[in-house]
């Protein structure tokens, strides 16, 4: 029997204003609401109450919070009688020096994060390496992988109707090392294949005779690419991001990831995002081997030579064969990464907390 404060279980989901909420919080609470649970969603702010009214915290049976590092906030929630689920999808204290969060992840913030972990009722993570790293802080830690809420992510297919093969990458400022790895591969590739263009969205920048352009759009990571074979676009707010991907009309997607301790704890979201849009791609093997069927839904690569080879293979494919691979990716992702098929995992965890 559930021990709850009202007639129905009450959950507050508190996000940290990053895009991860469309994987880690919003599909979950949407599903809970469909089951009749009372749901509230808020953004996390600094302070003892995380920017949330005390009355609301007292109202809740469960508070799910993303990666807060305020023990006082966790203490306040528990004092008001709610269970705390700590949602953790990155190995933040191991970010590299080129990661934008590196200056913030000092010893004090790391200590405060660890302190929060010891105070929670449950921890949810995305991948097994994260669980292995943080299991010392709680014996109630669970791997709940990322899946797609198809109502949110699935959009009409928009094929490329030009005569140019469009190769695309989408990402934020945390991927600087990945783009540094990719840049020389693309320089060699685009030099050989004049009928190709690289489309960069989000971080990656663009150059101009006006120095303020690069200042506004960020460091240009692809200065070695011919201007006529390079296209840059700003990213999109998370609420409309699923429509941005098909609008790029990509023939090929790329998801390079430099192998380090931080990256080994990331998840395979890009394979899901490209796949649901019928885009075949090339992916870093160590991270995407469980989401990509090599040679059928995309290609896996490690070294720069392998990346060049796999991209060249996709470029030289007949259009119908590329599209068949994209269709394979779509079917694979829809069959294996549909959130609705896995939503019960979160329900079971939350109900178990409310039984104690």
Protein backbone atom coordinates (compact mmCIF):
# COMPACT_ATOMS: atom_id res chain seq x y z
CA UNK A 1 0.00 0.00 0.00
CA UNK A 2 1.34 3.43 -0.96
CA UNK A 3 2.02 5.86 1.88
CA UNK A 4 0.97 9.18 0.36
CA UNK A 5 -0.26 12.56 1.60
CA UNK A 6 -3.39 12.78 -0.53
CA UNK A 7 -5.66 10.66 -2.66
CA UNK A 8 -3.08 10.31 -5.42
CA UNK A 9 0.73 10.21 -5.45
CA UNK A 10 2.28 13.65 -5.84
CA UNK A 11 5.55 14.25 -7.70
CA UNK A 12 7.56 17.40 -8.31
CA UNK A 13 10.17 17.15 -11.08
CA UNK A 14 12.86 19.81 -10.78
CA UNK A 15 15.11 20.28 -13.81
CA UNK A 16 18.43 22.09 -14.09
CA UNK A 17 17.48 23.96 -17.29
CA UNK A 18 19.52 21.68 -19.57
CA UNK A 19 18.19 19.66 -22.48
CA UNK A 20 18.44 16.45 -20.48
CA UNK A 21 14.96 17.02 -19.09
CA UNK A 22 13.39 15.85 -22.37
CA UNK A 23 14.93 12.44 -21.68
CA UNK A 24 15.15 12.24 -17.91
CA UNK A 25 12.13 14.07 -16.47
CA UNK A 26 9.41 15.14 -18.88
CA UNK A 27 8.52 11.75 -20.42
CA UNK A 28 8.44 10.24 -16.94
CA UNK A 29 6.07 12.76 -15.39
CA UNK A 30 3.91 12.81 -18.52
CA UNK A 31 3.45 9.06 -18.11
CA UNK A 32 2.76 9.37 -14.39
CA UNK A 33 0.12 12.01 -15.12
CA UNK A 34 -1.55 9.62 -17.57
CA UNK A 35 -1.81 7.13 -14.68
CA UNK A 36 -3.56 9.70 -12.50
CA UNK A 37 -0.62 10.96 -10.44
CA UNK A 38 -0.46 14.66 -9.48
CA UNK A 39 2.52 16.29 -11.20
CA UNK A 40 4.36 19.61 -11.02
CA UNK A 41 7.48 20.61 -13.00
CA UNK A 42 9.80 23.44 -11.97
CA UNK A 43 13.27 24.78 -12.73
CA UNK A 44 16.02 24.54 -10.13
CA UNK A 45 17.42 27.73 -8.64
CA UNK A 46 19.97 28.47 -5.94
CA UNK A 47 18.91 28.52 -2.31
CA UNK A 48 17.72 26.31 0.51
CA UNK A 49 14.42 25.60 -1.24
CA UNK A 50 15.83 25.46 -4.77
CA UNK A 51 13.54 28.28 -5.81
CA UNK A 52 10.50 26.15 -4.93
CA UNK A 53 7.88 27.31 -2.44
CA UNK A 54 8.02 25.46 0.87
CA UNK A 55 4.29 24.71 0.60
CA UNK A 56 4.88 22.92 -2.70
CA UNK A 57 7.72 20.83 -1.30
CA UNK A 58 5.54 19.95 1.67
CA UNK A 59 2.73 18.97 -0.76
CA UNK A 60 4.94 16.43 -2.57
CA UNK A 61 5.37 12.74 -1.88
CA UNK A 62 8.41 12.53 -4.18
CA UNK A 63 10.79 15.21 -5.44
CA UNK A 64 12.91 14.25 -8.45
CA UNK A 65 15.77 16.68 -8.87
CA UNK A 66 18.50 16.91 -11.50
CA UNK A 67 22.07 17.13 -10.26
CA UNK A 68 21.72 19.68 -7.50
CA UNK A 69 24.75 20.30 -5.29
CA UNK A 70 22.92 21.86 -2.35
CA UNK A 71 22.71 19.54 0.67
CA UNK A 72 20.55 22.18 2.36
CA UNK A 73 18.00 21.85 -0.43
CA UNK A 74 17.90 18.06 -0.05
CA UNK A 75 17.65 18.40 3.73
CA UNK A 76 14.71 20.80 3.37
CA UNK A 77 12.82 18.43 1.09
CA UNK A 78 13.25 15.50 3.46
CA UNK A 79 12.32 17.62 6.49
CA UNK A 80 9.04 18.44 4.75
CA UNK A 81 8.28 14.74 4.36
CA UNK A 82 9.04 13.93 0.71
CA UNK A 83 11.22 11.22 -0.78
CA UNK A 84 14.15 12.47 -2.91
CA UNK A 85 15.18 10.92 -6.20
CA UNK A 86 18.49 12.30 -7.46
CA UNK A 87 18.70 12.20 -11.26
CA UNK A 88 22.31 11.96 -12.45
CA UNK A 89 23.23 11.69 -16.13
CA UNK A 90 26.84 12.93 -16.28
CA UNK A 91 30.14 12.30 -14.53
CA UNK A 92 30.54 16.00 -13.86
CA UNK A 93 33.56 15.93 -11.57
CA UNK A 94 35.56 14.28 -14.37
CA UNK A 95 34.95 16.84 -17.11
CA UNK A 96 38.06 17.68 -19.15
CA UNK A 97 39.75 21.10 -19.18
CA UNK A 98 38.05 21.97 -22.48
CA UNK A 99 34.57 21.32 -21.10
CA UNK A 100 32.68 24.58 -20.28
CA UNK A 101 31.80 23.27 -16.79
CA UNK A 102 35.44 22.58 -15.87
CA UNK A 103 36.01 25.88 -13.95
CA UNK A 104 32.94 25.21 -11.80
CA UNK A 105 33.77 21.63 -10.89
CA UNK A 106 36.18 22.43 -8.10
CA UNK A 107 36.72 20.29 -5.01
CA UNK A 108 34.02 22.13 -3.05
CA UNK A 109 31.27 21.61 -5.61
CA UNK A 110 32.32 17.98 -5.97
CA UNK A 111 32.15 17.50 -2.20
CA UNK A 112 28.72 19.15 -2.02
CA UNK A 113 27.45 16.89 -4.84
CA UNK A 114 28.72 13.83 -3.01
CA UNK A 115 27.04 15.03 0.17
CA UNK A 116 23.71 15.34 -1.67
CA UNK A 117 24.03 11.81 -3.01
CA UNK A 118 24.38 10.37 0.48
CA UNK A 119 21.16 12.09 1.57
CA UNK A 120 18.83 10.91 -1.19
CA UNK A 121 16.35 8.04 -1.12
CA UNK A 122 17.25 6.83 -4.63
CA UNK A 123 19.61 7.72 -7.47
CA UNK A 124 18.78 7.22 -11.14
CA UNK A 125 21.48 7.16 -13.83
CA UNK A 126 21.66 6.55 -17.56
CA UNK A 127 24.46 3.99 -17.96
CA UNK A 128 26.23 1.29 -15.96
CA UNK A 129 29.58 3.16 -15.65
CA UNK A 130 27.77 5.97 -13.84
CA UNK A 131 26.21 3.51 -11.43
CA UNK A 132 29.58 1.87 -10.80
CA UNK A 133 31.15 5.24 -10.08
CA UNK A 134 28.44 6.47 -7.69
CA UNK A 135 27.27 3.23 -6.07
CA UNK A 136 29.33 4.00 -2.95
CA UNK A 137 26.92 6.81 -2.07
CA UNK A 138 23.70 4.79 -2.09
CA UNK A 139 22.59 1.17 -2.19
CA UNK A 140 19.44 2.30 -4.02
CA UNK A 141 20.94 3.38 -7.34
CA UNK A 142 19.36 2.36 -10.65
CA UNK A 143 20.35 2.40 -14.32
CA UNK A 144 17.35 3.68 -16.28
CA UNK A 145 18.60 4.31 -19.83
CA UNK A 146 17.52 7.12 -22.12
CA UNK A 147 14.60 6.44 -24.42
CA UNK A 148 12.59 8.56 -26.84
CA UNK A 149 9.14 9.90 -26.11
CA UNK A 150 7.95 9.37 -29.69
CA UNK A 151 5.07 11.83 -29.30
CA UNK A 152 7.75 14.48 -28.81
CA UNK A 153 10.56 13.27 -31.07
CA UNK A 154 8.96 11.68 -34.13
CA UNK A 155 8.42 14.20 -36.94
CA UNK A 156 7.61 13.88 -40.66
CA UNK A 157 10.59 12.80 -42.76
CA UNK A 158 12.12 15.61 -44.83
CA UNK A 159 14.50 14.25 -47.52
CA UNK A 160 17.36 16.20 -49.04
CA UNK A 161 16.17 17.32 -52.49
CA UNK A 162 19.41 19.05 -53.54
CA UNK A 163 22.28 17.59 -55.55
CA UNK A 164 24.65 18.00 -52.61
CA UNK A 165 25.19 15.28 -49.99
CA UNK A 166 24.58 16.86 -46.60
CA UNK A 167 26.64 15.59 -43.63
CA UNK A 168 25.53 17.00 -40.28
CA UNK A 169 26.49 17.34 -36.64
CA UNK A 170 24.38 18.74 -33.80
CA UNK A 171 25.68 19.54 -30.32
CA UNK A 172 26.67 22.04 -27.66
CA UNK A 173 29.80 23.59 -26.19
CA UNK A 174 30.75 20.44 -24.25
CA UNK A 175 31.82 18.79 -27.54
CA UNK A 176 34.87 20.91 -28.40
CA UNK A 177 37.28 17.96 -28.23
CA UNK A 178 34.97 15.88 -30.41
CA UNK A 179 34.94 18.55 -33.11
CA UNK A 180 38.71 18.90 -32.91
CA UNK A 181 38.90 15.18 -33.65
CA UNK A 182 36.43 15.43 -36.52
CA UNK A 183 37.78 18.55 -38.28
CA UNK A 184 40.81 16.98 -40.06
CA UNK A 185 38.65 14.04 -41.19
CA UNK A 186 36.19 16.42 -42.81
CA UNK A 187 38.94 18.51 -44.40
CA UNK A 188 40.27 15.44 -46.17
CA UNK A 189 36.81 14.17 -47.02
CA UNK A 190 35.38 17.39 -48.47
CA UNK A 191 38.53 17.96 -50.49
CA UNK A 192 37.94 14.67 -52.30
CA UNK A 193 34.14 14.79 -52.51
CA UNK A 194 33.18 18.18 -53.93
CA UNK A 195 29.50 17.22 -53.94
CA UNK A 196 29.36 17.20 -50.13
CA UNK A 197 28.61 19.86 -47.55
CA UNK A 198 29.08 19.80 -43.78
CA UNK A 199 26.24 21.27 -41.72
CA UNK A 200 27.13 22.22 -38.15
CA UNK A 201 24.39 23.09 -35.67
CA UNK A 202 24.82 24.56 -32.18
CA UNK A 203 28.49 24.78 -31.23
CA UNK A 204 31.04 25.01 -34.04
CA UNK A 205 30.83 28.60 -35.14
CA UNK A 206 31.41 30.44 -38.37
CA UNK A 207 33.88 33.02 -39.63
CA UNK A 208 33.49 36.40 -41.26
CA UNK A 209 35.53 39.47 -42.11
CA UNK A 210 33.62 41.03 -39.24
CA UNK A 211 35.28 39.77 -36.05
CA UNK A 212 32.04 40.22 -34.13
CA UNK A 213 30.46 37.38 -36.09
CA UNK A 214 32.81 34.81 -34.58
CA UNK A 215 32.44 36.46 -31.19
CA UNK A 216 28.66 36.14 -31.42
CA UNK A 217 28.47 32.61 -32.81
CA UNK A 218 31.41 31.11 -30.97
CA UNK A 219 34.82 29.79 -31.90
CA UNK A 220 34.95 28.52 -35.48
CA UNK A 221 36.09 24.90 -35.32
CA UNK A 222 36.16 24.24 -39.07
CA UNK A 223 38.25 27.01 -40.62
CA UNK A 224 39.98 24.44 -42.84
CA UNK A 225 36.77 23.56 -44.70
CA UNK A 226 35.94 25.30 -48.00
CA UNK A 227 33.36 28.03 -47.31
CA UNK A 228 31.09 26.74 -50.06
CA UNK A 229 31.04 23.30 -48.38
CA UNK A 230 30.30 24.51 -44.86
CA UNK A 231 27.01 25.64 -43.36
CA UNK A 232 26.46 26.79 -39.79
CA UNK A 233 23.21 27.16 -37.89
CA UNK A 234 22.40 28.08 -34.34
CA UNK A 235 20.78 25.46 -32.20
CA UNK A 236 17.14 25.51 -31.14
CA UNK A 237 15.35 25.66 -27.77
CA UNK A 238 14.79 22.22 -26.38
CA UNK A 239 11.03 22.55 -26.81
CA UNK A 240 11.36 22.68 -30.62
CA UNK A 241 14.64 20.81 -31.07
CA UNK A 242 13.00 17.67 -32.55
CA UNK A 243 11.80 19.79 -35.48
CA UNK A 244 15.29 21.20 -36.05
CA UNK A 245 16.79 17.81 -36.95
CA UNK A 246 14.57 16.92 -39.93
CA UNK A 247 14.73 20.54 -41.10
CA UNK A 248 18.48 20.07 -41.71
CA UNK A 249 17.59 17.50 -44.41
CA UNK A 250 20.67 15.42 -43.69
CA UNK A 251 21.85 12.47 -45.75
CA UNK A 252 24.42 11.47 -43.10
CA UNK A 253 24.76 12.21 -39.40
CA UNK A 254 27.98 12.13 -37.37
CA UNK A 255 28.49 11.60 -33.64
CA UNK A 256 32.21 11.59 -32.77
CA UNK A 257 33.14 11.22 -29.10
CA UNK A 258 36.71 11.37 -27.80
CA UNK A 259 37.36 8.44 -25.47
CA UNK A 260 37.96 9.61 -21.89
CA UNK A 261 36.57 8.95 -18.41
CA UNK A 262 33.83 11.55 -18.77
CA UNK A 263 32.72 10.35 -22.22
CA UNK A 264 32.49 6.73 -21.10
CA UNK A 265 29.60 7.78 -18.87
CA UNK A 266 27.62 9.47 -21.63
CA UNK A 267 24.64 7.86 -23.38
CA UNK A 268 23.67 7.07 -26.97
CA UNK A 269 21.15 9.87 -27.53
CA UNK A 270 22.51 10.95 -30.92
CA UNK A 271 21.92 7.50 -32.43
CA UNK A 272 18.33 7.72 -31.23
CA UNK A 273 17.84 11.26 -32.53
CA UNK A 274 19.33 10.56 -35.97
CA UNK A 275 17.66 7.18 -36.20
CA UNK A 276 14.14 8.36 -35.49
CA UNK A 277 14.67 10.84 -38.35
CA UNK A 278 15.82 8.10 -40.75
CA UNK A 279 19.35 9.50 -40.93
CA UNK A 280 22.16 6.92 -41.30
CA UNK A 281 25.32 7.94 -39.49
CA UNK A 282 28.83 7.25 -38.30
CA UNK A 283 29.30 6.88 -34.56
CA UNK A 284 32.14 6.35 -32.12
CA UNK A 285 32.22 2.66 -31.37
CA UNK A 286 32.83 2.55 -27.60
CA UNK A 287 29.76 4.68 -26.89
CA UNK A 288 27.30 3.64 -29.60
CA UNK A 289 27.96 -0.07 -30.05
CA UNK A 290 24.73 -0.97 -28.22
CA UNK A 291 22.53 1.41 -30.22
CA UNK A 292 23.90 0.99 -33.76
CA UNK A 293 23.98 -2.20 -35.82
CA UNK A 294 27.24 -1.73 -37.70
CA UNK A 295 26.68 -1.83 -41.43
CA UNK A 296 22.89 -1.99 -41.15
CA UNK A 297 21.64 1.08 -39.24
CA UNK A 298 24.89 3.04 -39.46
CA UNK A 299 28.63 2.59 -39.07
CA UNK A 300 30.90 2.40 -36.03
CA UNK A 301 34.40 3.87 -36.07
CA UNK A 302 37.25 4.70 -33.70
CA UNK A 303 40.33 6.15 -35.40
CA UNK A 304 40.32 9.10 -37.78
CA UNK A 305 41.20 6.74 -40.63
CA UNK A 306 38.16 4.60 -39.80
CA UNK A 307 35.99 7.68 -39.67
CA UNK A 308 37.18 8.77 -43.10
CA UNK A 309 36.61 5.30 -44.52
CA UNK A 310 33.08 4.94 -43.13
CA UNK A 311 32.02 8.41 -44.22
CA UNK A 312 33.45 7.82 -47.68
CA UNK A 313 31.47 4.58 -47.87
CA UNK A 314 28.22 6.41 -47.08
CA UNK A 315 29.00 9.18 -49.58
CA UNK A 316 29.70 6.68 -52.35
CA UNK A 317 26.55 4.67 -51.64
CA UNK A 318 23.64 4.98 -54.01
CA UNK A 319 21.00 7.27 -52.61
CA UNK A 320 18.48 4.44 -52.31
CA UNK A 321 20.97 2.39 -50.26
CA UNK A 322 21.64 5.30 -47.89
CA UNK A 323 17.93 5.79 -47.44
CA UNK A 324 17.46 2.09 -46.81
CA UNK A 325 20.06 2.29 -44.05
CA UNK A 326 18.21 5.30 -42.64
CA UNK A 327 14.97 3.34 -42.71
CA UNK A 328 16.70 0.47 -40.89
CA UNK A 329 17.86 2.94 -38.23
CA UNK A 330 14.33 4.27 -37.85
CA UNK A 331 12.85 0.81 -37.38
CA UNK A 332 15.60 -0.20 -34.94
CA UNK A 333 15.23 2.87 -32.74
CA UNK A 334 11.44 2.79 -32.77
CA UNK A 335 11.41 -0.88 -31.80
CA UNK A 336 14.07 -0.76 -29.07
CA UNK A 337 14.11 2.79 -27.68
CA UNK A 338 10.45 3.75 -27.34
CA UNK A 339 9.94 5.24 -23.88
CA UNK A 340 6.42 3.86 -23.57
CA UNK A 341 7.84 0.34 -23.57
CA UNK A 342 10.04 1.15 -20.56
CA UNK A 343 7.99 3.69 -18.59
CA UNK A 344 7.05 1.06 -16.01
CA UNK A 345 10.64 1.03 -14.73
CA UNK A 346 10.25 4.53 -13.30
CA UNK A 347 6.75 3.80 -11.97
CA UNK A 348 8.02 0.70 -10.17
CA UNK A 349 10.88 2.64 -8.58
CA UNK A 350 8.70 5.52 -7.39
CA UNK A 351 6.05 3.17 -6.02
CA UNK A 352 8.72 1.24 -4.11
CA UNK A 353 9.78 4.48 -2.41
CA UNK A 354 6.22 5.23 -1.41
CA UNK A 355 5.84 1.80 0.20
CA UNK A 356 8.51 2.51 2.81
